[in-house]
Amino acid sequence: MADTQQVDPKAEAKADAKAERKAAKLARQIAAFAKAHGGAEGQVAYIGERGARIVLVGEDGGWGDLVAPSYELAQQAVEKAGITVHEQFDGEFAAKVRTGPYEWTRMAGIQVGGPSNT
């Protein structure tokens, strides 16, 4: 005998609605970032079981990121937000990022003689 799996349409609809709300929330956050930075571009990267990382770079060089529970949901969010999405984080896109003192002390400070991060 073959095993069959019961599908609960209500549970499926509830999960779909939750995913739609999450995508809409991420899209609002992306739009707010874009508004605050004179526009934005992004890149979606799969980060394993955790989901996907949406890296945002503003026209002013400011940057940030968001994490979505899945790559598909991240794609929906950037599409809803209407930003330009790059396949890779390199070249001209990466060159738009402007770092400040915080990034230098947190990410490279120890290597380039900045204050200790301990």
Protein backbone atom coordinates (compact mmCIF):
# COMPACT_ATOMS: atom_id res chain seq x y z
CA MET A 1 0.00 0.00 0.00
CA ALA A 2 1.18 3.49 -0.77
CA ASP A 3 1.45 6.04 1.97
CA THR A 4 -0.66 9.11 1.42
CA GLN A 5 -0.19 12.47 2.98
CA GLN A 6 -3.10 14.54 4.15
CA VAL A 7 -3.05 18.15 2.98
CA ASP A 8 -4.92 20.66 5.06
CA PRO A 9 -6.07 23.43 2.72
CA LYS A 10 -6.65 25.80 5.65
CA ALA A 11 -3.13 25.31 6.99
CA GLU A 12 -1.70 25.79 3.52
CA ALA A 13 -3.69 28.99 2.99
CA LYS A 14 -2.59 30.26 6.41
CA ALA A 15 1.09 29.61 5.59
CA ASP A 16 0.70 31.37 2.22
CA ALA A 17 -0.90 34.40 3.90
CA LYS A 18 1.91 34.54 6.47
CA ALA A 19 4.55 34.43 3.72
CA GLU A 20 2.73 37.20 1.83
CA ARG A 21 2.69 39.39 4.96
CA LYS A 22 6.42 38.78 5.51
CA ALA A 23 7.22 39.68 1.88
CA ALA A 24 5.13 42.86 2.19
CA LYS A 25 6.92 43.82 5.43
CA LEU A 26 10.34 43.28 3.86
CA ALA A 27 9.25 45.32 0.81
CA ARG A 28 8.21 48.19 3.10
CA GLN A 29 11.59 48.05 4.86
CA ILE A 30 13.41 48.06 1.51
CA ALA A 31 11.30 51.00 0.29
CA ALA A 32 12.01 52.93 3.51
CA PHE A 33 15.75 52.33 3.07
CA ALA A 34 15.56 53.48 -0.56
CA LYS A 35 13.66 56.63 0.44
CA ALA A 36 16.19 57.46 3.16
CA HIS A 37 19.17 56.97 0.81
CA GLY A 38 17.95 58.59 -2.41
CA GLY A 39 17.18 55.26 -4.06
CA ALA A 40 18.61 51.78 -3.68
CA GLU A 41 19.85 48.72 -5.50
CA GLY A 42 20.14 45.25 -4.06
CA GLN A 43 21.42 41.72 -4.33
CA VAL A 44 19.82 38.55 -2.97
CA ALA A 45 22.12 35.80 -1.70
CA TYR A 46 21.13 32.34 -0.49
CA ILE A 47 22.51 31.73 3.01
CA GLY A 48 21.43 28.14 3.57
CA GLU A 49 18.78 27.00 6.00
CA ARG A 50 18.53 30.53 7.42
CA GLY A 51 17.07 31.77 4.13
CA ALA A 52 18.39 34.62 2.00
CA ARG A 53 20.22 37.87 2.64
CA ILE A 54 19.05 41.01 0.86
CA VAL A 55 21.98 43.43 0.61
CA LEU A 56 20.92 47.02 -0.08
CA VAL A 57 23.12 49.85 -1.32
CA GLY A 58 21.72 53.38 -1.40
CA GLU A 59 22.51 56.02 -3.99
CA ASP A 60 24.40 57.90 -1.27
CA GLY A 61 26.64 54.88 -0.60
CA GLY A 62 24.84 53.85 2.59
CA TRP A 63 24.24 50.16 2.91
CA GLY A 64 22.35 47.63 4.97
CA ASP A 65 20.87 44.18 4.79
CA LEU A 66 17.81 42.16 5.68
CA VAL A 67 17.32 38.41 6.09
CA ALA A 68 14.30 36.65 4.60
CA PRO A 69 13.25 33.13 5.63
CA SER A 70 13.62 31.87 2.03
CA TYR A 71 15.20 32.89 -1.26
CA GLU A 72 11.79 32.95 -2.95
CA LEU A 73 10.39 35.29 -0.31
CA ALA A 74 13.41 37.60 -0.67
CA GLN A 75 12.85 37.70 -4.43
CA GLN A 76 9.18 38.60 -3.90
CA ALA A 77 10.15 41.39 -1.51
CA VAL A 78 12.65 43.06 -3.85
CA GLU A 79 10.18 42.79 -6.73
CA LYS A 80 7.43 44.41 -4.62
CA ALA A 81 9.83 47.18 -3.56
CA GLY A 82 10.72 47.84 -7.19
CA ILE A 83 14.49 48.16 -6.78
CA THR A 84 17.17 47.11 -9.25
CA VAL A 85 18.54 43.70 -8.30
CA HIS A 86 22.05 42.54 -9.24
CA GLU A 87 23.10 38.92 -9.70
CA GLN A 88 26.47 39.45 -7.99
CA PHE A 89 27.83 41.83 -5.37
CA ASP A 90 30.84 42.98 -7.34
CA GLY A 91 32.12 45.55 -9.81
CA GLU A 92 30.36 48.89 -10.09
CA PHE A 93 27.63 47.81 -7.67
CA ALA A 94 30.07 46.98 -4.86
CA ALA A 95 32.05 50.15 -5.57
CA LYS A 96 28.99 52.23 -4.60
CA VAL A 97 29.31 51.19 -0.94
CA ARG A 98 30.77 53.91 1.29
CA THR A 99 32.11 52.83 4.65
CA GLY A 100 32.64 55.03 7.65
CA PRO A 101 34.59 54.93 10.90
CA TYR A 102 32.23 52.38 12.46
CA GLU A 103 32.82 49.83 9.71
CA TRP A 104 36.58 50.38 9.79
CA THR A 105 36.80 49.81 13.52
CA ARG A 106 34.41 46.84 13.56
CA MET A 107 35.44 44.98 10.41
CA ALA A 108 39.06 45.94 9.75
CA GLY A 109 40.18 47.93 12.77
CA ILE A 110 42.38 45.28 14.29
CA GLN A 111 44.19 44.54 11.02
CA VAL A 112 44.83 48.21 10.11
CA GLY A 113 45.74 49.49 13.57
CA GLY A 114 42.30 50.64 14.67
CA PRO A 115 40.91 50.22 18.17
CA SER A 116 40.39 46.73 19.53
CA ASN A 117 36.93 45.23 19.13
CA THR A 118 36.96 43.51 22.50
